[in-house]
Amino acid sequence: MDIWEFLAPALESVLAGVATLVVSTLGFYLRNWLVARIGQEKLIMSGDIARAAVLAVEQQAKKYGWDGESKKAEAIQLVDAWLTQHGIDIDEARVLALIEAAVYEEFNHWLPQPAAE
């Protein structure tokens, strides 16, 4: 038995754990940064706006046959306009993070997670 046949599954598990840790940590710091910058109430409102925009864009996409990039661009524009209307100033990278979180929450949360070994 080759040593790599033995180590490969262990390394895959370690890498998956590290990736999970990195993503969780980044999410934690992004949330804390947003709370410090705009406040808890505005952060909640921003998430609500992103979820509403994602649902609105999905409805429009069905009607107009938009692809993923078109939906993303429309969602960014819509969220940015609504945030500005409510006096919330967030840069585009964080707007995109809010949109991605809303998309995951609305459409991907039911996907099966990899089984722990």
C-alpha atoms as a PDB file:
ATOM      1  CA  MET A   1       0.000   0.000   0.000  1.00  0.00           C
ATOM      2  CA  ASP A   2       1.386   3.342  -1.055  1.00  0.00           C
ATOM      3  CA  ILE A   3       1.662   6.021   1.642  1.00  0.00           C
ATOM      4  CA  TRP A   4      -0.328   8.502  -0.477  1.00  0.00           C
ATOM      5  CA  GLU A   5      -3.272   6.126  -0.601  1.00  0.00           C
ATOM      6  CA  PHE A   6      -3.268   6.271   3.172  1.00  0.00           C
ATOM      7  CA  LEU A   7      -2.634  10.022   3.513  1.00  0.00           C
ATOM      8  CA  ALA A   8      -4.943  11.333   0.754  1.00  0.00           C
ATOM      9  CA  PRO A   9      -8.230  10.862   2.666  1.00  0.00           C
ATOM     10  CA  ALA A  10      -6.707  12.359   5.799  1.00  0.00           C
ATOM     11  CA  LEU A  11      -5.362  15.355   3.893  1.00  0.00           C
ATOM     12  CA  GLU A  12      -8.741  15.893   2.203  1.00  0.00           C
ATOM     13  CA  SER A  13     -10.433  15.938   5.599  1.00  0.00           C
ATOM     14  CA  VAL A  14      -7.878  18.370   6.990  1.00  0.00           C
ATOM     15  CA  LEU A  15      -8.207  20.680   3.988  1.00  0.00           C
ATOM     16  CA  ALA A  16     -12.007  20.605   4.225  1.00  0.00           C
ATOM     17  CA  GLY A  17     -11.760  21.508   7.899  1.00  0.00           C
ATOM     18  CA  VAL A  18      -9.343  24.352   7.203  1.00  0.00           C
ATOM     19  CA  ALA A  19     -11.554  25.692   4.407  1.00  0.00           C
ATOM     20  CA  THR A  20     -14.589  25.612   6.709  1.00  0.00           C
ATOM     21  CA  LEU A  21     -12.640  27.415   9.414  1.00  0.00           C
ATOM     22  CA  VAL A  22     -11.432  30.115   7.005  1.00  0.00           C
ATOM     23  CA  VAL A  23     -14.894  30.767   5.554  1.00  0.00           C
ATOM     24  CA  SER A  24     -16.495  30.834   9.008  1.00  0.00           C
ATOM     25  CA  THR A  25     -13.854  33.212  10.332  1.00  0.00           C
ATOM     26  CA  LEU A  26     -14.198  35.547   7.355  1.00  0.00           C
ATOM     27  CA  GLY A  27     -17.973  35.563   7.754  1.00  0.00           C
ATOM     28  CA  PHE A  28     -17.634  36.327  11.459  1.00  0.00           C
ATOM     29  CA  TYR A  29     -15.264  39.240  10.848  1.00  0.00           C
ATOM     30  CA  LEU A  30     -17.344  40.585   7.952  1.00  0.00           C
ATOM     31  CA  ARG A  31     -20.464  40.576  10.127  1.00  0.00           C
ATOM     32  CA  ASN A  32     -18.637  42.256  13.019  1.00  0.00           C
ATOM     33  CA  TRP A  33     -17.152  44.846  10.671  1.00  0.00           C
ATOM     34  CA  LEU A  34     -20.579  45.629   9.229  1.00  0.00           C
ATOM     35  CA  VAL A  35     -22.165  45.885  12.683  1.00  0.00           C
ATOM     36  CA  ALA A  36     -19.409  48.270  13.788  1.00  0.00           C
ATOM     37  CA  ARG A  37     -19.717  50.315  10.606  1.00  0.00           C
ATOM     38  CA  ILE A  38     -23.481  50.584  10.124  1.00  0.00           C
ATOM     39  CA  GLY A  39     -25.045  49.214  13.302  1.00  0.00           C
ATOM     40  CA  GLN A  40     -27.084  46.119  14.085  1.00  0.00           C
ATOM     41  CA  GLU A  41     -30.432  47.552  12.940  1.00  0.00           C
ATOM     42  CA  LYS A  42     -29.089  48.663   9.576  1.00  0.00           C
ATOM     43  CA  LEU A  43     -27.314  45.333   9.108  1.00  0.00           C
ATOM     44  CA  ILE A  44     -30.591  43.494   9.625  1.00  0.00           C
ATOM     45  CA  MET A  45     -32.304  45.897   7.220  1.00  0.00           C
ATOM     46  CA  SER A  46     -29.498  45.345   4.677  1.00  0.00           C
ATOM     47  CA  GLY A  47     -30.027  41.581   4.815  1.00  0.00           C
ATOM     48  CA  ASP A  48     -33.772  42.036   4.392  1.00  0.00           C
ATOM     49  CA  ILE A  49     -33.180  44.324   1.405  1.00  0.00           C
ATOM     50  CA  ALA A  50     -30.790  41.801  -0.169  1.00  0.00           C
ATOM     51  CA  ARG A  51     -33.306  38.957   0.286  1.00  0.00           C
ATOM     52  CA  ALA A  52     -36.116  41.031  -1.240  1.00  0.00           C
ATOM     53  CA  ALA A  53     -33.895  42.022  -4.164  1.00  0.00           C
ATOM     54  CA  VAL A  54     -32.855  38.420  -4.805  1.00  0.00           C
ATOM     55  CA  LEU A  55     -36.482  37.301  -4.926  1.00  0.00           C
ATOM     56  CA  ALA A  56     -37.451  40.236  -7.164  1.00  0.00           C
ATOM     57  CA  VAL A  57     -34.583  39.557  -9.548  1.00  0.00           C
ATOM     58  CA  GLU A  58     -35.482  35.856  -9.706  1.00  0.00           C
ATOM     59  CA  GLN A  59     -39.013  36.774 -10.764  1.00  0.00           C
ATOM     60  CA  GLN A  60     -37.709  39.177 -13.418  1.00  0.00           C
ATOM     61  CA  ALA A  61     -35.158  36.613 -14.620  1.00  0.00           C
ATOM     62  CA  LYS A  62     -37.914  34.107 -15.342  1.00  0.00           C
ATOM     63  CA  LYS A  63     -39.786  36.717 -17.349  1.00  0.00           C
ATOM     64  CA  TYR A  64     -36.788  38.033 -19.316  1.00  0.00           C
ATOM     65  CA  GLY A  65     -34.630  34.894 -19.461  1.00  0.00           C
ATOM     66  CA  TRP A  66     -31.615  36.395 -17.687  1.00  0.00           C
ATOM     67  CA  ASP A  67     -28.495  34.342 -17.042  1.00  0.00           C
ATOM     68  CA  GLY A  68     -26.553  34.301 -13.768  1.00  0.00           C
ATOM     69  CA  GLU A  69     -24.372  37.316 -14.555  1.00  0.00           C
ATOM     70  CA  SER A  70     -27.386  39.407 -15.581  1.00  0.00           C
ATOM     71  CA  LYS A  71     -29.199  38.469 -12.380  1.00  0.00           C
ATOM     72  CA  LYS A  72     -26.131  39.344 -10.317  1.00  0.00           C
ATOM     73  CA  ALA A  73     -25.723  42.758 -11.972  1.00  0.00           C
ATOM     74  CA  GLU A  74     -29.413  43.552 -11.551  1.00  0.00           C
ATOM     75  CA  ALA A  75     -29.364  42.463  -7.901  1.00  0.00           C
ATOM     76  CA  ILE A  76     -26.311  44.638  -7.161  1.00  0.00           C
ATOM     77  CA  GLN A  77     -27.974  47.643  -8.787  1.00  0.00           C
ATOM     78  CA  LEU A  78     -31.272  47.055  -6.989  1.00  0.00           C
ATOM     79  CA  VAL A  79     -29.713  46.476  -3.555  1.00  0.00           C
ATOM     80  CA  ASP A  80     -27.429  49.484  -3.932  1.00  0.00           C
ATOM     81  CA  ALA A  81     -30.387  51.712  -4.851  1.00  0.00           C
ATOM     82  CA  TRP A  82     -32.493  50.486  -1.921  1.00  0.00           C
ATOM     83  CA  LEU A  83     -29.607  50.823   0.536  1.00  0.00           C
ATOM     84  CA  THR A  84     -28.952  54.375  -0.661  1.00  0.00           C
ATOM     85  CA  GLN A  85     -32.644  55.159  -0.306  1.00  0.00           C
ATOM     86  CA  HIS A  86     -32.425  54.064   3.348  1.00  0.00           C
ATOM     87  CA  GLY A  87     -29.199  55.970   4.012  1.00  0.00           C
ATOM     88  CA  ILE A  88     -26.975  52.901   4.251  1.00  0.00           C
ATOM     89  CA  ASP A  89     -23.575  53.205   2.573  1.00  0.00           C
ATOM     90  CA  ILE A  90     -21.835  49.876   1.906  1.00  0.00           C
ATOM     91  CA  ASP A  91     -19.207  49.225  -0.759  1.00  0.00           C
ATOM     92  CA  GLU A  92     -19.949  46.924  -3.685  1.00  0.00           C
ATOM     93  CA  ALA A  93     -17.923  43.982  -2.354  1.00  0.00           C
ATOM     94  CA  ARG A  94     -20.039  43.874   0.789  1.00  0.00           C
ATOM     95  CA  VAL A  95     -23.235  44.382  -1.181  1.00  0.00           C
ATOM     96  CA  LEU A  96     -22.224  41.341  -3.210  1.00  0.00           C
ATOM     97  CA  ALA A  97     -21.570  39.395   0.011  1.00  0.00           C
ATOM     98  CA  LEU A  98     -25.082  40.277   1.248  1.00  0.00           C
ATOM     99  CA  ILE A  99     -26.546  39.141  -2.068  1.00  0.00           C
ATOM    100  CA  GLU A 100     -24.592  35.865  -2.054  1.00  0.00           C
ATOM    101  CA  ALA A 101     -25.765  35.189   1.501  1.00  0.00           C
ATOM    102  CA  ALA A 102     -29.359  35.907   0.476  1.00  0.00           C
ATOM    103  CA  VAL A 103     -29.078  33.603  -2.540  1.00  0.00           C
ATOM    104  CA  TYR A 104     -27.705  30.819  -0.355  1.00  0.00           C
ATOM    105  CA  GLU A 105     -30.407  31.349   2.251  1.00  0.00           C
ATOM    106  CA  GLU A 106     -33.232  31.377  -0.291  1.00  0.00           C
ATOM    107  CA  PHE A 107     -32.123  28.712  -2.747  1.00  0.00           C
ATOM    108  CA  ASN A 108     -29.207  26.577  -1.553  1.00  0.00           C
ATOM    109  CA  HIS A 109     -29.703  26.001   2.165  1.00  0.00           C
ATOM    110  CA  TRP A 110     -31.478  22.701   1.516  1.00  0.00           C
ATOM    111  CA  LEU A 111     -28.532  21.150  -0.365  1.00  0.00           C
ATOM    112  CA  PRO A 112     -27.096  18.136   1.439  1.00  0.00           C
ATOM    113  CA  GLN A 113     -23.906  18.862   3.330  1.00  0.00           C
ATOM    114  CA  PRO A 114     -20.919  16.521   3.027  1.00  0.00           C
ATOM    115  CA  ALA A 115     -20.991  13.790   5.632  1.00  0.00           C
ATOM    116  CA  ALA A 116     -18.488  14.069   8.450  1.00  0.00           C
ATOM    117  CA  GLU A 117     -16.033  11.216   8.448  1.00  0.00           C
END
